Protein backbone atom coordinates (compact mmCIF):
# COMPACT_ATOMS: atom_id res chain seq x y z
CA MET A 1 32.38 -29.10 -5.35
CA VAL A 2 32.75 -25.39 -4.57
CA VAL A 3 29.98 -22.91 -5.27
CA THR A 4 31.12 -19.61 -6.76
CA LEU A 5 28.83 -16.77 -5.76
CA TYR A 6 28.81 -13.67 -7.93
CA GLN A 7 27.45 -10.55 -6.27
CA PHE A 8 27.98 -6.85 -5.65
CA LYS A 9 30.65 -5.60 -3.27
CA PRO A 10 29.85 -5.02 0.43
CA LEU A 11 28.64 -1.52 1.22
CA TYR A 12 27.57 0.58 4.21
CA GLY A 13 28.64 -2.09 6.71
CA LEU A 14 26.36 -4.68 5.10
CA PRO A 15 27.55 -7.92 3.50
CA ASN A 16 25.75 -6.66 0.41
CA PRO A 17 23.55 -3.69 -0.58
CA SER A 18 21.29 -6.12 -2.43
CA PRO A 19 18.95 -8.03 -0.09
CA PHE A 20 18.93 -10.94 -2.55
CA CYS A 21 22.72 -11.19 -2.57
CA MET A 22 22.91 -10.87 1.20
CA LYS A 23 20.22 -13.51 1.65
CA LEU A 24 22.09 -16.00 -0.53
CA GLU A 25 25.49 -15.43 1.05
CA THR A 26 23.88 -15.77 4.49
CA TYR A 27 22.32 -19.05 3.41
CA LEU A 28 25.69 -20.34 2.17
CA ARG A 29 27.33 -19.46 5.48
CA LEU A 30 24.52 -21.09 7.47
CA SER A 31 24.63 -24.23 5.34
CA GLY A 32 28.37 -24.82 5.55
CA ILE A 33 28.44 -25.45 1.79
CA ALA A 34 31.92 -24.74 0.42
CA HIS A 35 31.83 -21.53 -1.56
CA ARG A 36 33.81 -18.54 -2.67
CA VAL A 37 32.65 -15.03 -3.54
CA GLU A 38 33.46 -13.05 -6.67
CA THR A 39 32.59 -9.36 -6.95
CA ILE A 40 30.71 -8.39 -10.07
CA THR A 41 32.40 -5.80 -12.23
CA GLY A 42 30.80 -4.58 -15.42
CA ARG A 43 27.91 -6.38 -17.05
CA ILE A 44 26.10 -9.03 -15.00
CA LYS A 45 26.72 -12.31 -16.82
CA SER A 46 23.80 -14.33 -15.53
CA PRO A 47 20.92 -15.96 -17.44
CA THR A 48 18.55 -13.27 -16.17
CA GLY A 49 20.97 -10.36 -16.23
CA LYS A 50 20.51 -9.96 -12.48
CA ALA A 51 22.52 -10.67 -9.33
CA PRO A 52 23.19 -12.79 -7.44
CA PHE A 53 24.10 -15.83 -9.49
CA ILE A 54 26.26 -18.86 -8.90
CA GLU A 55 28.44 -21.22 -10.86
CA VAL A 56 28.50 -24.83 -9.71
CA ASP A 57 29.49 -28.00 -11.57
CA GLY A 58 30.06 -25.91 -14.68
CA LYS A 59 26.49 -24.57 -14.64
CA VAL A 60 25.35 -21.01 -14.04
CA MET A 61 22.19 -20.44 -12.00
CA SER A 62 20.39 -17.22 -11.08
CA ASP A 63 17.59 -16.16 -8.70
CA SER A 64 18.42 -16.47 -5.00
CA GLY A 65 15.29 -18.49 -4.23
CA LEU A 66 15.83 -21.01 -7.00
CA ILE A 67 19.49 -21.31 -6.08
CA ILE A 68 18.67 -22.02 -2.44
CA ASN A 69 16.06 -24.59 -3.43
CA HIS A 70 18.66 -26.33 -5.61
CA LEU A 71 21.35 -26.28 -2.92
CA GLU A 72 18.92 -27.52 -0.26
CA ALA A 73 17.86 -30.43 -2.50
CA THR A 74 21.41 -31.42 -3.45
CA HIS A 75 23.02 -31.05 -0.01
CA GLY A 76 20.55 -32.82 2.25
CA HIS A 77 18.53 -29.77 3.31
CA PRO A 78 21.16 -28.38 5.70
CA VAL A 79 19.24 -25.21 6.64
CA ASP A 80 15.50 -25.84 6.26
CA GLY A 81 15.45 -29.59 6.79
CA LYS A 82 13.84 -29.42 10.23
CA LEU A 83 10.88 -27.31 9.12
CA THR A 84 7.45 -28.88 9.02
CA LEU A 85 5.34 -28.51 5.90
CA ALA A 86 3.29 -25.81 7.63
CA GLU A 87 6.45 -23.95 8.63
CA ARG A 88 7.77 -24.21 5.08
CA ALA A 89 4.53 -22.66 3.86
CA GLN A 90 4.81 -19.79 6.34
CA SER A 91 8.45 -19.25 5.47
CA LEU A 92 7.70 -19.11 1.76
CA ALA A 93 4.76 -16.74 2.25
CA PHE A 94 6.80 -14.28 4.29
CA GLN A 95 9.70 -14.43 1.87
CA ARG A 96 7.33 -13.68 -0.99
CA MET A 97 5.97 -10.69 0.94
CA MET A 98 9.46 -9.37 1.57
CA GLU A 99 10.79 -9.95 -1.92
CA GLU A 100 7.74 -9.20 -4.05
CA HIS A 101 6.11 -6.38 -2.09
CA LEU A 102 8.24 -4.82 0.65
CA TYR A 103 11.22 -4.90 -1.70
CA TRP A 104 9.46 -2.48 -4.05
CA VAL A 105 9.01 0.01 -1.23
CA MET A 106 12.75 -0.32 -0.61
CA VAL A 107 13.32 0.29 -4.32
CA TYR A 108 11.13 3.38 -4.11
CA LYS A 109 13.16 4.80 -1.26
CA ARG A 110 16.45 4.18 -3.07
CA TRP A 111 15.56 5.40 -6.53
CA ILE A 112 12.32 7.33 -6.75
CA ASP A 113 11.75 9.24 -3.47
CA PRO A 114 12.25 12.90 -4.47
CA THR A 115 13.71 13.83 -1.08
CA ASP A 116 16.67 11.45 -1.41
CA LYS A 117 18.32 12.49 -4.67
CA ALA A 118 21.73 13.34 -3.17
CA ALA A 119 21.89 10.10 -1.17
CA GLN A 120 20.66 8.16 -4.18
CA ARG A 121 23.48 9.48 -6.36
CA GLN A 122 26.08 8.80 -3.67
CA TYR A 123 24.76 5.25 -3.39
CA LEU A 124 25.13 4.75 -7.12
CA LYS A 125 28.66 6.14 -7.05
CA ASP A 126 29.64 3.93 -4.09
CA LEU A 127 28.07 0.82 -5.58
CA LEU A 128 29.43 1.04 -9.11
CA GLY A 129 32.51 3.20 -8.61
CA LEU A 130 31.39 5.62 -11.30
CA PRO A 131 33.16 8.94 -11.89
CA SER A 132 31.20 11.85 -10.47
CA PHE A 133 30.29 13.41 -13.81
CA LEU A 134 28.51 10.22 -14.94
CA VAL A 135 26.47 9.69 -11.80
CA PRO A 136 23.60 12.16 -12.52
CA LEU A 137 23.07 10.75 -16.02
CA ILE A 138 23.11 7.13 -14.84
CA ALA A 139 20.85 7.99 -11.90
CA ILE A 140 18.24 9.59 -14.16
CA ALA A 141 18.29 6.66 -16.59
CA ALA A 142 18.11 4.09 -13.77
CA ALA A 143 15.27 5.90 -12.00
CA ARG A 144 13.30 6.10 -15.25
CA GLY A 145 13.57 2.36 -15.82
CA ILE A 146 12.81 1.50 -12.21
CA LYS A 147 9.77 3.77 -12.14
CA LYS A 148 8.47 1.99 -15.23
CA GLY A 149 8.94 -1.34 -13.48
CA MET A 150 7.18 -0.10 -10.34
CA ASN A 151 4.23 1.09 -12.40
CA ALA A 152 4.05 -2.30 -14.11
CA HIS A 153 4.06 -3.97 -10.70
CA GLY A 154 1.29 -1.64 -9.56
CA ILE A 155 2.77 -0.24 -6.37
CA GLY A 156 4.37 2.65 -8.23
CA ARG A 157 0.96 3.99 -9.23
CA HIS A 158 0.15 5.00 -5.66
CA ALA A 159 0.89 8.28 -3.89
CA PRO A 160 4.09 8.38 -1.78
CA ASP A 161 2.27 8.28 1.55
CA VAL A 162 0.37 5.16 0.43
CA ILE A 163 3.59 3.44 -0.65
CA TRP A 164 5.18 4.18 2.72
CA ARG A 165 2.13 2.83 4.56
CA MET A 166 2.27 -0.38 2.54
CA GLY A 167 5.90 -0.96 3.46
CA ILE A 168 5.36 -0.09 7.12
CA ALA A 169 2.45 -2.58 7.29
CA ASP A 170 4.75 -5.32 5.93
CA VAL A 171 7.39 -4.52 8.55
CA GLN A 172 4.78 -4.56 11.30
CA ALA A 173 3.59 -7.98 10.14
CA LEU A 174 7.16 -9.31 10.28
CA ALA A 175 7.65 -7.89 13.78
CA HIS A 176 4.39 -9.41 15.00
CA PHE A 177 5.31 -12.79 13.56
CA LEU A 178 8.81 -12.83 15.04
CA GLY A 179 7.64 -11.63 18.43
CA ASN A 180 10.21 -12.34 21.13
CA ARG A 181 11.65 -15.42 19.43
CA THR A 182 15.33 -15.58 18.64
CA TRP A 183 14.71 -17.06 15.19
CA GLY A 184 11.65 -17.43 13.03
CA PHE A 185 11.31 -21.20 13.37
CA GLY A 186 12.88 -23.19 16.18
CA ASP A 187 16.27 -22.79 17.80
CA ALA A 188 18.37 -22.22 14.68
CA PRO A 189 18.18 -19.74 11.78
CA THR A 190 16.61 -20.82 8.51
CA THR A 191 16.25 -19.29 5.07
CA PHE A 192 13.45 -17.14 6.47
CA ASP A 193 15.92 -15.57 8.89
CA ALA A 194 18.44 -15.01 6.10
CA CYS A 195 15.78 -13.20 4.10
CA LEU A 196 14.50 -11.22 7.09
CA ALA A 197 17.93 -10.00 8.17
CA ALA A 198 18.85 -9.09 4.60
CA THR A 199 15.62 -7.11 4.25
CA ILE A 200 15.81 -5.28 7.59
CA GLY A 201 19.52 -4.60 7.17
CA ASN A 202 18.97 -3.09 3.75
CA ILE A 203 16.19 -0.89 5.07
CA LEU A 204 18.17 0.46 8.01
CA HIS A 205 21.81 0.50 6.93
CA THR A 206 21.66 2.93 4.04
CA PRO A 207 22.55 6.66 3.93
CA TRP A 208 19.03 8.08 4.01
CA THR A 209 16.05 8.48 6.29
CA ASN A 210 12.39 8.22 5.37
CA PRO A 211 9.13 6.94 6.91
CA LEU A 212 10.06 3.29 6.27
CA THR A 213 13.47 3.49 7.97
CA VAL A 214 12.04 5.41 10.93
CA ALA A 215 9.20 2.92 11.44
CA THR A 216 11.48 -0.11 11.07
CA ALA A 217 14.00 1.20 13.59
CA LYS A 218 11.24 1.29 16.22
CA HIS A 219 10.88 -2.51 16.11
CA GLY A 220 13.57 -3.58 18.54
CA SER A 221 12.94 -7.26 17.88
CA LEU A 222 13.73 -6.86 14.18
CA VAL A 223 16.84 -4.79 14.86
CA ALA A 224 18.04 -7.36 17.40
CA HIS A 225 17.36 -10.20 14.97
CA PHE A 226 19.48 -8.50 12.31
CA GLU A 227 22.31 -7.97 14.79
CA ARG A 228 22.16 -11.60 15.97
CA LEU A 229 22.37 -12.95 12.47
CA MET A 230 25.23 -10.60 11.60
CA ALA A 231 27.16 -11.74 14.69
CA ARG A 232 26.58 -15.37 13.76
CA CYS A 233 27.25 -15.25 10.02
CA PHE A 234 29.32 -12.11 9.45
CA PRO A 235 31.38 -11.54 12.60
CA GLU A 236 33.89 -9.56 10.55
CA LEU A 237 31.19 -6.93 9.93
CA ALA A 238 29.12 -7.17 13.12
CA LYS A 239 29.39 -4.31 15.55
């Protein structure tokens, strides 16, 4: 059985410009589960219309967290099997913080921050390979939809300085939790580490600077963690 992972193309020296795609590919590499990667072109053909998604045993599954739960359960828990119940709870809580709160600050910096319009449009062009004349129109439409989603979430209703402070507080919490440890739990990386590296990498390794990137870069432990995981799982990209 080979898992086929569908995701965006690598960008900016990262395995993926989507933290969810990077997290899942990192998990697959850590687990040793046989897999191959297909780059998404055109419409995303997943049940949710989002990436990443996988095809395995003739079935299509989406949502990185649900996919990892399925693969852990069907392959003998190769990555998180050594975690205690308390550690599993901590891991899940931090992943939820990264993916349901900090992620939206990352979305803000990519799509809404008024000081990053040029970098935003270059990102869209690099990611989708769009011709230059289409980029401004697509960027405006995408930003409008994303802003609506951020307002529905709630975080988008705050002033920019408040949004930045929220994201910086999340990053500080992650740095305090990791401390001087090599990995989040024990002597080997787990799904938490895959999520953490994907999040920190996608904050730092993008073509723009803002309060969140500046604050994150000051946490040497988080930067070192990202570099360790890259060297372990993506040596072809690691510096």
